[in-house]
């Protein structure tokens, strides 16, 4: 009788060594502060309430805002 040869187990692949990860230095871009823009504001001289106008309406006549019974005065500020 002929003996059957045993099948050889599949060869194992060599295990790769764990590599240490190198620390990556991330560059942080500094964001420049926006330049201050002049803005028209209305301010109450009695209580100090300030209303900032961000967009003009385009009307021919000026609007009067009233606070504490008196019209508010225009002031120029930066935002």
C-alpha atoms as a PDB file:
ATOM      1  CA  UNK A   1       0.000   0.000   0.000  1.00  0.00           C
ATOM      2  CA  UNK A   2       1.052   3.535  -0.774  1.00  0.00           C
ATOM      3  CA  UNK A   3       1.095   5.997   2.070  1.00  0.00           C
ATOM      4  CA  UNK A   4      -0.423   9.396   1.425  1.00  0.00           C
ATOM      5  CA  UNK A   5       1.714  12.353   2.195  1.00  0.00           C
ATOM      6  CA  UNK A   6       0.398  14.716   4.775  1.00  0.00           C
ATOM      7  CA  UNK A   7      -0.287  18.211   3.501  1.00  0.00           C
ATOM      8  CA  UNK A   8       2.103  20.727   4.937  1.00  0.00           C
ATOM      9  CA  UNK A   9       0.492  23.548   6.865  1.00  0.00           C
ATOM     10  CA  UNK A  10       0.606  26.901   5.046  1.00  0.00           C
ATOM     11  CA  UNK A  11       3.674  28.907   5.834  1.00  0.00           C
ATOM     12  CA  UNK A  12       2.995  31.706   8.268  1.00  0.00           C
ATOM     13  CA  UNK A  13       3.732  35.212   7.218  1.00  0.00           C
ATOM     14  CA  UNK A  14       6.254  36.988   9.408  1.00  0.00           C
ATOM     15  CA  UNK A  15       4.650  39.428  11.837  1.00  0.00           C
ATOM     16  CA  UNK A  16       5.679  43.019  11.285  1.00  0.00           C
ATOM     17  CA  UNK A  17       7.079  44.811  14.276  1.00  0.00           C
ATOM     18  CA  UNK A  18       4.971  47.613  15.636  1.00  0.00           C
ATOM     19  CA  UNK A  19       6.483  50.908  14.570  1.00  0.00           C
ATOM     20  CA  UNK A  20       6.389  53.867  16.856  1.00  0.00           C
ATOM     21  CA  UNK A  21       4.509  56.805  15.413  1.00  0.00           C
ATOM     22  CA  UNK A  22       6.459  60.002  15.211  1.00  0.00           C
ATOM     23  CA  UNK A  23       4.889  63.099  16.652  1.00  0.00           C
ATOM     24  CA  UNK A  24       3.764  65.429  13.906  1.00  0.00           C
ATOM     25  CA  UNK A  25       4.157  69.116  14.538  1.00  0.00           C
ATOM     26  CA  UNK A  26       1.119  70.920  13.249  1.00  0.00           C
ATOM     27  CA  UNK A  27       1.542  74.466  12.164  1.00  0.00           C
ATOM     28  CA  UNK A  28      -1.137  76.802  13.397  1.00  0.00           C
ATOM     29  CA  UNK A  29      -1.927  79.671  11.110  1.00  0.00           C
ATOM     30  CA  UNK A  30      -2.530  82.866  12.987  1.00  0.00           C
ATOM     31  CA  UNK A  31      -5.617  84.687  11.845  1.00  0.00           C
ATOM     32  CA  UNK A  32      -5.113  88.395  11.542  1.00  0.00           C
ATOM     33  CA  UNK A  33      -7.612  90.446  13.492  1.00  0.00           C
ATOM     34  CA  UNK A  34      -9.997  92.280  11.196  1.00  0.00           C
ATOM     35  CA  UNK A  35      -9.413  95.979  10.930  1.00  0.00           C
ATOM     36  CA  UNK A  36     -11.956  98.032  12.863  1.00  0.00           C
ATOM     37  CA  UNK A  37     -14.594  99.594  10.646  1.00  0.00           C
ATOM     38  CA  UNK A  38     -16.180 102.956  11.361  1.00  0.00           C
ATOM     39  CA  UNK A  39     -19.869 102.545  12.139  1.00  0.00           C
ATOM     40  CA  UNK A  40     -22.643 105.051  12.662  1.00  0.00           C
ATOM     41  CA  UNK A  41     -24.340 104.679  16.031  1.00  0.00           C
ATOM     42  CA  UNK A  42     -27.117 106.488  17.854  1.00  0.00           C
ATOM     43  CA  UNK A  43     -26.562 107.082  21.552  1.00  0.00           C
ATOM     44  CA  UNK A  44     -28.892 108.257  24.310  1.00  0.00           C
ATOM     45  CA  UNK A  45     -27.200 110.921  26.441  1.00  0.00           C
ATOM     46  CA  UNK A  46     -29.417 110.134  29.449  1.00  0.00           C
ATOM     47  CA  UNK A  47     -29.217 106.352  29.887  1.00  0.00           C
ATOM     48  CA  UNK A  48     -26.263 105.561  27.599  1.00  0.00           C
ATOM     49  CA  UNK A  49     -28.188 103.120  25.379  1.00  0.00           C
ATOM     50  CA  UNK A  50     -26.413 102.753  22.041  1.00  0.00           C
ATOM     51  CA  UNK A  51     -28.018 101.632  18.781  1.00  0.00           C
ATOM     52  CA  UNK A  52     -25.611 100.580  16.021  1.00  0.00           C
ATOM     53  CA  UNK A  53     -26.765 101.055  12.446  1.00  0.00           C
ATOM     54  CA  UNK A  54     -25.250  98.343  10.268  1.00  0.00           C
ATOM     55  CA  UNK A  55     -27.108  99.120   7.031  1.00  0.00           C
ATOM     56  CA  UNK A  56     -28.528 102.380   5.721  1.00  0.00           C
ATOM     57  CA  UNK A  57     -32.096 102.290   4.426  1.00  0.00           C
ATOM     58  CA  UNK A  58     -31.513 104.836   1.643  1.00  0.00           C
ATOM     59  CA  UNK A  59     -34.369 107.156   2.600  1.00  0.00           C
ATOM     60  CA  UNK A  60     -33.996 110.818   1.637  1.00  0.00           C
ATOM     61  CA  UNK A  61     -35.041 112.005   5.087  1.00  0.00           C
ATOM     62  CA  UNK A  62     -33.332 110.985   8.296  1.00  0.00           C
ATOM     63  CA  UNK A  63     -35.174 108.863  10.847  1.00  0.00           C
ATOM     64  CA  UNK A  64     -35.415 110.085  14.434  1.00  0.00           C
ATOM     65  CA  UNK A  65     -34.987 107.478  17.174  1.00  0.00           C
ATOM     66  CA  UNK A  66     -36.329 108.489  20.567  1.00  0.00           C
ATOM     67  CA  UNK A  67     -35.084 107.154  23.920  1.00  0.00           C
ATOM     68  CA  UNK A  68     -35.942 108.518  27.383  1.00  0.00           C
ATOM     69  CA  UNK A  69     -38.197 111.124  25.730  1.00  0.00           C
ATOM     70  CA  UNK A  70     -35.345 112.753  23.753  1.00  0.00           C
ATOM     71  CA  UNK A  71     -33.974 112.077  20.267  1.00  0.00           C
ATOM     72  CA  UNK A  72     -30.792 110.021  20.167  1.00  0.00           C
ATOM     73  CA  UNK A  73     -27.579 111.670  18.923  1.00  0.00           C
ATOM     74  CA  UNK A  74     -25.362 110.290  16.177  1.00  0.00           C
ATOM     75  CA  UNK A  75     -21.867 109.155  17.165  1.00  0.00           C
ATOM     76  CA  UNK A  76     -19.075 107.491  15.175  1.00  0.00           C
ATOM     77  CA  UNK A  77     -17.546 104.329  16.634  1.00  0.00           C
ATOM     78  CA  UNK A  78     -15.494 101.384  15.417  1.00  0.00           C
ATOM     79  CA  UNK A  79     -16.550  97.767  15.590  1.00  0.00           C
END
